[in-house]
Amino acid sequence: MNSIYTRLSTLPVLANNYVLKFLFIAFLGIHIPLIGLIVFIVLNVGALSATTILITTLLLTLIATGITLYTLNNLLEPLKVSKNALQSYLNERKLPELPENFKDEAGVLMQKVQETVIKLDSILEQKKDLIGLLSHDLRTPLVNIKMLSEYIESGEPTPEEVLSMAKMISDSVDRQILLFQEILSILRQEDLSWVKLRLSDITTEDLLDVVMHDMQPLAEKKNIALKINNEIKDKLTVEKNLFPQVIKNLINNAIKFSHKGSQIEVDLKKIGETVIIQVSDHGLGFDMDDSEEIFEKFSKRRKKGTMDEPTTGMGLYLSKKIIEAHHGTIVAKSEGPNKGARFIITL
């Protein structure tokens, strides 16, 4: 921002006071024509008529008034810039780049506008992510419920199997209700901060039970074996409704990109105070140059599964958000296309 306001802000006496800048310009606007008239009269003593003095006074006053109004209008630039920044964000969702080096009231206003818009944009993005999480992670249990329902309708299962499947459907619905309630709870938070998750202890056995309940039917449908290696006997301190969704997303992706009859390994181990969870498959894999991009929202690197299963490009992005909210990391590794993939969570 290069303006009269900027130049006046370099003067120590005016730097911290916006009103004083206006008073300073007004003072000059009033006194410059007066000083000019005095100088004019002194230099032309005895040679001036009353008409000349009057005309000179009017001209000097008009010139000073014009300069003063122009300068005062320029001093409004911080307000105009702030207004345009807000308008641009509302119309185009374009984040402002307002200066933050001014110390007067107008400078503080620009700083607050900048901070508020960025915070608002962050809240909107988090809200979209949470809604995306809800819609994305409702899909898998609904597919399972549909599969079990169709099997029951076929009349093939025995009465005991029907009861077992009904229990599976009921448990799946209960878990999705809890997930739905948790996301609604986060949405009600003032800042929607993922970091402010309600953490609680859960055993790895319970965690795996929750995950396998939803993932096993999908794996069996594709004749894929899920091999679990759990070396952790301690409890994990996580958000018990959201954290399992990450493991489900990784296993779901592994199933999607694995060929029929293959195997997926889920390994849990602890080294010192560090928990490592790894999901590995022997499927389509990816180029390591894309290992960061596949975590982006609606990544261009997303592709269909081995049986043309669709993908939304949201699963890995949301999984990374949840892991980061737990102060952990998630990375993807692969030896290359068609050489499988590994996703490693570190807490």
Protein backbone atom coordinates (compact mmCIF):
# COMPACT_ATOMS: atom_id res chain seq x y z
CA MET A 1 0.00 0.00 0.00
CA ASN A 2 1.75 3.15 -1.24
CA SER A 3 -0.20 6.26 -0.27
CA ILE A 4 -0.27 9.46 1.76
CA TYR A 5 -1.47 7.31 4.69
CA THR A 6 1.68 5.19 4.38
CA ARG A 7 3.97 8.21 4.26
CA LEU A 8 2.31 9.87 7.24
CA SER A 9 2.63 6.61 9.16
CA THR A 10 6.41 6.90 8.90
CA LEU A 11 6.33 10.08 11.02
CA PRO A 12 6.83 9.01 14.67
CA VAL A 13 4.43 11.63 16.03
CA LEU A 14 1.61 10.44 13.72
CA ALA A 15 2.40 6.71 13.43
CA ASN A 16 0.14 5.47 16.24
CA ASN A 17 -2.85 7.79 15.91
CA TYR A 18 -5.25 7.71 12.96
CA VAL A 19 -7.29 10.72 14.14
CA LEU A 20 -4.14 12.81 14.56
CA LYS A 21 -3.34 12.27 10.89
CA PHE A 22 -6.69 13.88 9.95
CA LEU A 23 -6.15 16.77 12.39
CA PHE A 24 -2.66 17.33 11.00
CA ILE A 25 -3.92 17.59 7.42
CA ALA A 26 -6.86 19.78 8.48
CA PHE A 27 -4.47 22.07 10.35
CA LEU A 28 -2.27 22.43 7.27
CA GLY A 29 -5.32 22.99 5.05
CA ILE A 30 -6.47 25.88 7.21
CA HIS A 31 -3.12 27.57 7.75
CA ILE A 32 -1.41 27.19 4.35
CA PRO A 33 -3.67 29.77 2.60
CA LEU A 34 -3.26 32.11 5.58
CA ILE A 35 0.53 31.80 5.50
CA GLY A 36 0.52 32.16 1.73
CA LEU A 37 -1.56 35.32 1.93
CA ILE A 38 0.73 36.86 4.55
CA VAL A 39 3.81 36.13 2.40
CA PHE A 40 2.05 37.53 -0.67
CA ILE A 41 1.13 40.77 1.13
CA VAL A 42 4.59 41.21 2.68
CA LEU A 43 6.27 40.82 -0.70
CA ASN A 44 3.91 43.30 -2.31
CA VAL A 45 3.51 45.97 0.39
CA GLY A 46 1.74 49.11 -0.89
CA ALA A 47 1.04 47.60 -4.31
CA LEU A 48 -2.10 45.63 -3.52
CA SER A 49 -5.68 46.72 -3.80
CA ALA A 50 -8.48 45.28 -1.69
CA THR A 51 -9.80 43.40 -4.74
CA THR A 52 -6.45 41.75 -5.36
CA ILE A 53 -6.18 40.66 -1.75
CA LEU A 54 -9.70 39.23 -1.85
CA ILE A 55 -9.15 37.33 -5.08
CA THR A 56 -5.80 36.00 -3.85
CA THR A 57 -7.38 34.87 -0.59
CA LEU A 58 -10.17 33.04 -2.45
CA LEU A 59 -7.73 31.32 -4.82
CA LEU A 60 -5.42 30.21 -2.03
CA THR A 61 -8.41 28.96 0.00
CA LEU A 62 -9.83 26.99 -2.95
CA ILE A 63 -6.45 25.42 -3.75
CA ALA A 64 -5.84 24.52 -0.10
CA THR A 65 -9.36 23.11 0.26
CA GLY A 66 -8.94 20.96 -2.85
CA ILE A 67 -5.58 19.62 -1.68
CA THR A 68 -6.94 19.02 1.82
CA LEU A 69 -10.01 17.11 0.58
CA TYR A 70 -7.86 15.03 -1.77
CA THR A 71 -5.45 14.21 1.08
CA LEU A 72 -8.25 13.37 3.54
CA ASN A 73 -9.81 11.08 0.94
CA ASN A 74 -6.46 9.31 0.60
CA LEU A 75 -6.34 8.86 4.35
CA LEU A 76 -9.48 6.73 4.04
CA GLU A 77 -7.54 4.14 2.03
CA PRO A 78 -7.21 1.63 4.92
CA LEU A 79 -11.00 1.59 5.29
CA LYS A 80 -11.50 1.18 1.53
CA VAL A 81 -8.91 -1.59 1.36
CA SER A 82 -10.57 -3.40 4.27
CA LYS A 83 -13.99 -3.07 2.66
CA ASN A 84 -12.73 -4.36 -0.70
CA ALA A 85 -10.99 -7.28 1.01
CA LEU A 86 -14.21 -8.31 2.74
CA GLN A 87 -16.20 -7.89 -0.48
CA SER A 88 -13.68 -9.96 -2.42
CA TYR A 89 -13.85 -12.74 0.15
CA LEU A 90 -17.66 -12.75 0.23
CA ASN A 91 -17.95 -12.79 -3.57
CA GLU A 92 -14.96 -14.91 -4.59
CA ARG A 93 -13.70 -16.57 -1.37
CA LYS A 94 -10.38 -14.84 -2.04
CA LEU A 95 -8.30 -14.50 1.13
CA PRO A 96 -7.07 -10.93 1.78
CA GLU A 97 -3.46 -9.86 2.03
CA LEU A 98 -3.82 -6.75 4.16
CA PRO A 99 -0.72 -5.04 5.61
CA GLU A 100 -0.03 -5.73 9.27
CA ASN A 101 2.74 -3.21 9.94
CA PHE A 102 0.61 -0.14 10.77
CA LYS A 103 0.10 0.66 14.44
CA ASP A 104 -2.76 3.18 14.47
CA GLU A 105 -6.49 2.43 14.70
CA ALA A 106 -6.83 1.89 10.94
CA GLY A 107 -3.84 -0.44 10.98
CA VAL A 108 -5.36 -2.45 13.84
CA LEU A 109 -8.61 -2.64 11.87
CA MET A 110 -6.80 -4.10 8.86
CA GLN A 111 -5.04 -6.62 11.10
CA LYS A 112 -8.35 -7.69 12.67
CA VAL A 113 -10.04 -8.00 9.27
CA GLN A 114 -7.15 -10.16 8.06
CA GLU A 115 -7.22 -12.39 11.15
CA THR A 116 -11.02 -12.69 11.21
CA VAL A 117 -11.37 -13.60 7.53
CA ILE A 118 -8.61 -16.21 7.73
CA LYS A 119 -10.18 -17.71 10.85
CA LEU A 120 -13.62 -17.69 9.24
CA ASP A 121 -12.25 -19.38 6.15
CA SER A 122 -10.58 -22.01 8.31
CA ILE A 123 -13.86 -22.67 10.13
CA LEU A 124 -15.74 -23.03 6.84
CA GLU A 125 -13.11 -25.44 5.52
CA GLN A 126 -13.24 -27.51 8.71
CA LYS A 127 -17.02 -27.58 8.53
CA LYS A 128 -16.85 -28.83 4.95
CA ASP A 129 -14.31 -31.45 5.99
CA LEU A 130 -16.51 -32.70 8.82
CA ILE A 131 -19.53 -32.92 6.56
CA GLY A 132 -17.33 -34.67 4.00
CA LEU A 133 -16.18 -37.09 6.70
CA LEU A 134 -19.76 -37.87 7.64
CA SER A 135 -20.88 -38.47 4.06
CA HIS A 136 -17.72 -40.42 3.16
CA ASP A 137 -17.71 -42.72 6.16
CA LEU A 138 -21.41 -43.48 6.06
CA ARG A 139 -20.89 -45.17 2.72
CA THR A 140 -19.04 -48.30 3.90
CA PRO A 141 -21.52 -49.35 6.64
CA LEU A 142 -24.43 -48.69 4.31
CA VAL A 143 -22.86 -50.99 1.71
CA ASN A 144 -22.43 -53.66 4.38
CA ILE A 145 -26.01 -53.27 5.58
CA LYS A 146 -27.24 -53.54 2.01
CA MET A 147 -25.16 -56.70 1.41
CA LEU A 148 -26.42 -58.36 4.60
CA SER A 149 -30.00 -57.35 3.90
CA GLU A 150 -29.88 -58.77 0.38
CA TYR A 151 -28.41 -62.01 1.72
CA ILE A 152 -31.17 -62.31 4.31
CA GLU A 153 -33.79 -61.60 1.63
CA SER A 154 -32.37 -64.38 -0.53
CA GLY A 155 -33.61 -66.93 2.00
CA GLU A 156 -30.30 -68.80 2.00
CA PRO A 157 -29.08 -68.14 5.57
CA THR A 158 -30.27 -70.26 8.46
CA PRO A 159 -32.33 -68.67 11.28
CA GLU A 160 -29.19 -68.53 13.43
CA GLU A 161 -27.29 -66.75 10.64
CA VAL A 162 -30.17 -64.32 10.21
CA LEU A 163 -30.00 -63.42 13.90
CA SER A 164 -26.24 -62.98 13.68
CA MET A 165 -26.57 -60.72 10.63
CA ALA A 166 -29.33 -58.70 12.29
CA LYS A 167 -26.99 -58.16 15.25
CA MET A 168 -24.23 -57.03 12.87
CA ILE A 169 -26.60 -54.55 11.23
CA SER A 170 -27.72 -53.24 14.63
CA ASP A 171 -24.12 -52.82 15.85
CA SER A 172 -23.14 -51.04 12.64
CA VAL A 173 -26.06 -48.62 12.96
CA ASP A 174 -25.18 -47.92 16.62
CA ARG A 175 -21.60 -47.05 15.66
CA GLN A 176 -22.71 -44.73 12.90
CA ILE A 177 -25.07 -42.96 15.28
CA LEU A 178 -22.15 -42.38 17.66
CA LEU A 179 -20.02 -41.06 14.79
CA PHE A 180 -22.85 -38.80 13.67
CA GLN A 181 -23.29 -37.46 17.22
CA GLU A 182 -19.55 -36.84 17.58
CA ILE A 183 -19.37 -34.85 14.34
CA LEU A 184 -22.44 -32.82 15.33
CA SER A 185 -20.76 -32.12 18.67
CA ILE A 186 -17.64 -30.83 16.90
CA LEU A 187 -19.77 -28.73 14.54
CA ARG A 188 -21.37 -27.06 17.56
CA GLN A 189 -17.95 -25.94 18.84
CA GLU A 190 -17.30 -22.27 18.31
CA ASP A 191 -14.03 -22.77 16.44
CA LEU A 192 -14.65 -26.30 15.11
CA SER A 193 -11.12 -27.19 16.11
CA TRP A 194 -10.22 -30.78 15.25
CA VAL A 195 -7.53 -30.55 17.91
CA LYS A 196 -10.16 -30.21 20.64
CA LEU A 197 -11.32 -33.78 20.18
CA ARG A 198 -12.61 -35.62 23.22
CA LEU A 199 -9.94 -38.24 23.79
CA SER A 200 -10.49 -41.43 25.76
CA ASP A 201 -8.76 -44.79 26.25
CA ILE A 202 -9.57 -47.74 24.01
CA THR A 203 -7.84 -51.13 23.87
CA THR A 204 -6.37 -52.17 20.55
CA GLU A 205 -8.56 -55.29 20.68
CA ASP A 206 -11.70 -53.14 20.86
CA LEU A 207 -10.36 -50.87 18.16
CA LEU A 208 -9.74 -53.81 15.83
CA ASP A 209 -13.14 -55.33 16.63
CA VAL A 210 -14.85 -52.13 15.56
CA VAL A 211 -12.78 -51.94 12.38
CA MET A 212 -13.08 -55.61 11.41
CA HIS A 213 -16.84 -55.61 11.97
CA ASP A 214 -17.26 -53.28 8.99
CA MET A 215 -14.28 -54.31 6.88
CA GLN A 216 -14.53 -58.11 6.99
CA PRO A 217 -17.68 -58.34 4.81
CA LEU A 218 -16.10 -56.10 2.16
CA ALA A 219 -12.93 -58.17 2.16
CA GLU A 220 -14.85 -61.45 1.92
CA LYS A 221 -16.87 -60.13 -1.00
CA LYS A 222 -13.59 -59.72 -2.91
CA ASN A 223 -12.05 -62.91 -1.45
CA ILE A 224 -9.31 -60.89 0.24
CA ALA A 225 -7.71 -62.11 3.48
CA LEU A 226 -7.24 -59.59 6.31
CA LYS A 227 -4.21 -60.55 8.40
CA ILE A 228 -3.93 -58.81 11.77
CA ASN A 229 -0.70 -58.62 13.76
CA ASN A 230 -1.29 -56.77 17.03
CA GLU A 231 1.73 -56.43 19.33
CA ILE A 232 0.21 -53.63 21.45
CA LYS A 233 -1.45 -54.60 24.70
CA ASP A 234 -1.69 -51.06 26.09
CA LYS A 235 -4.67 -48.80 25.60
CA LEU A 236 -4.59 -46.02 23.03
CA THR A 237 -5.76 -42.51 23.93
CA VAL A 238 -7.76 -41.43 20.89
CA GLU A 239 -11.15 -40.10 19.83
CA LYS A 240 -12.92 -43.45 19.88
CA ASN A 241 -15.49 -42.62 17.19
CA LEU A 242 -13.25 -40.83 14.68
CA PHE A 243 -9.95 -42.69 15.01
CA PRO A 244 -11.35 -46.09 13.90
CA GLN A 245 -12.60 -44.36 10.74
CA VAL A 246 -8.99 -43.78 9.71
CA ILE A 247 -8.13 -47.48 9.95
CA LYS A 248 -11.35 -48.32 8.11
CA ASN A 249 -10.49 -45.85 5.35
CA LEU A 250 -7.01 -47.35 4.91
CA ILE A 251 -8.32 -50.94 4.85
CA ASN A 252 -11.17 -49.92 2.54
CA ASN A 253 -8.66 -48.37 0.13
CA ALA A 254 -6.46 -51.46 0.35
CA ILE A 255 -9.45 -53.68 -0.51
CA LYS A 256 -10.45 -51.36 -3.32
CA PHE A 257 -7.01 -51.39 -4.94
CA SER A 258 -6.19 -55.06 -4.32
CA HIS A 259 -6.90 -57.94 -6.66
CA LYS A 260 -9.25 -60.80 -5.78
CA GLY A 261 -7.63 -63.50 -3.69
CA SER A 262 -4.84 -61.28 -2.33
CA GLN A 263 -3.99 -60.38 1.26
CA ILE A 264 -3.95 -57.22 3.36
CA GLU A 265 -1.82 -56.93 6.50
CA VAL A 266 -2.66 -54.69 9.45
CA ASP A 267 0.24 -54.36 11.90
CA LEU A 268 0.19 -52.60 15.27
CA LYS A 269 3.37 -52.20 17.31
CA LYS A 270 4.91 -49.91 19.88
CA ILE A 271 8.50 -48.69 20.01
CA GLY A 272 9.15 -46.85 23.26
CA GLU A 273 6.29 -44.37 23.57
CA THR A 274 5.60 -44.38 19.82
CA VAL A 275 2.65 -46.29 18.40
CA ILE A 276 2.94 -47.43 14.78
CA ILE A 277 -0.04 -48.72 12.80
CA GLN A 278 0.60 -49.97 9.28
CA VAL A 279 -1.83 -51.14 6.60
CA SER A 280 -0.18 -52.92 3.67
CA ASP A 281 -1.55 -54.40 0.47
CA HIS A 282 -0.19 -56.04 -2.71
CA GLY A 283 -2.35 -54.15 -5.17
CA LEU A 284 -2.09 -51.30 -7.63
CA GLY A 285 0.43 -49.21 -5.67
CA PHE A 286 1.56 -45.80 -6.89
CA ASP A 287 4.56 -43.74 -7.92
CA MET A 288 6.37 -42.36 -4.85
CA ASP A 289 6.44 -38.93 -6.51
CA ASP A 290 2.68 -38.87 -5.81
CA SER A 291 2.96 -39.89 -2.15
CA GLU A 292 2.10 -36.41 -0.87
CA GLU A 293 -0.48 -35.52 -3.48
CA ILE A 294 -2.69 -38.53 -2.76
CA PHE A 295 -3.52 -36.96 0.62
CA GLU A 296 -4.87 -33.81 -1.00
CA LYS A 297 -8.59 -33.14 -1.15
CA PHE A 298 -10.07 -34.47 -4.42
CA SER A 299 -6.60 -35.49 -5.49
CA LYS A 300 -6.06 -35.77 -9.23
CA ARG A 301 -4.14 -38.99 -8.53
CA ARG A 302 -7.27 -40.84 -7.43
CA LYS A 303 -8.25 -43.81 -9.58
CA LYS A 304 -10.81 -46.58 -9.71
CA GLY A 305 -10.31 -49.86 -7.87
CA THR A 306 -9.41 -53.20 -9.42
CA MET A 307 -13.12 -53.90 -9.96
CA ASP A 308 -13.88 -50.34 -11.09
CA GLU A 309 -14.85 -49.28 -7.55
CA PRO A 310 -15.31 -45.48 -7.52
CA THR A 311 -13.32 -43.18 -5.25
CA THR A 312 -14.19 -39.70 -3.96
CA GLY A 313 -10.68 -38.39 -3.32
CA MET A 314 -11.69 -37.51 0.26
CA GLY A 315 -10.77 -40.60 2.32
CA LEU A 316 -7.03 -40.08 2.66
CA TYR A 317 -7.41 -36.31 3.03
CA LEU A 318 -9.85 -36.75 5.93
CA SER A 319 -7.74 -39.50 7.47
CA LYS A 320 -4.73 -37.19 7.53
CA LYS A 321 -6.79 -34.44 9.16
CA ILE A 322 -7.91 -36.80 11.94
CA ILE A 323 -4.39 -38.14 12.55
CA GLU A 324 -2.95 -34.63 12.69
CA ALA A 325 -5.67 -33.70 15.20
CA HIS A 326 -4.23 -36.53 17.33
CA HIS A 327 -0.78 -34.93 16.93
CA GLY A 328 0.35 -37.85 14.79
CA THR A 329 1.55 -38.37 11.22
CA ILE A 330 0.49 -40.56 8.33
CA VAL A 331 2.67 -41.36 5.31
CA ALA A 332 2.22 -43.45 2.19
CA LYS A 333 4.88 -45.67 0.65
CA SER A 334 5.04 -47.88 -2.43
CA GLU A 335 7.69 -49.61 -4.52
CA GLY A 336 5.87 -48.39 -7.61
CA PRO A 337 2.77 -49.09 -9.73
CA ASN A 338 1.37 -52.62 -9.26
CA LYS A 339 3.76 -53.26 -6.36
CA GLY A 340 1.39 -52.64 -3.47
CA ALA A 341 1.15 -49.80 -0.96
CA ARG A 342 1.80 -49.19 2.72
CA PHE A 343 0.17 -46.53 4.89
CA ILE A 344 1.95 -45.86 8.18
CA ILE A 345 0.39 -44.00 11.11
CA THR A 346 2.70 -42.79 13.85
CA LEU A 347 1.36 -41.54 17.20
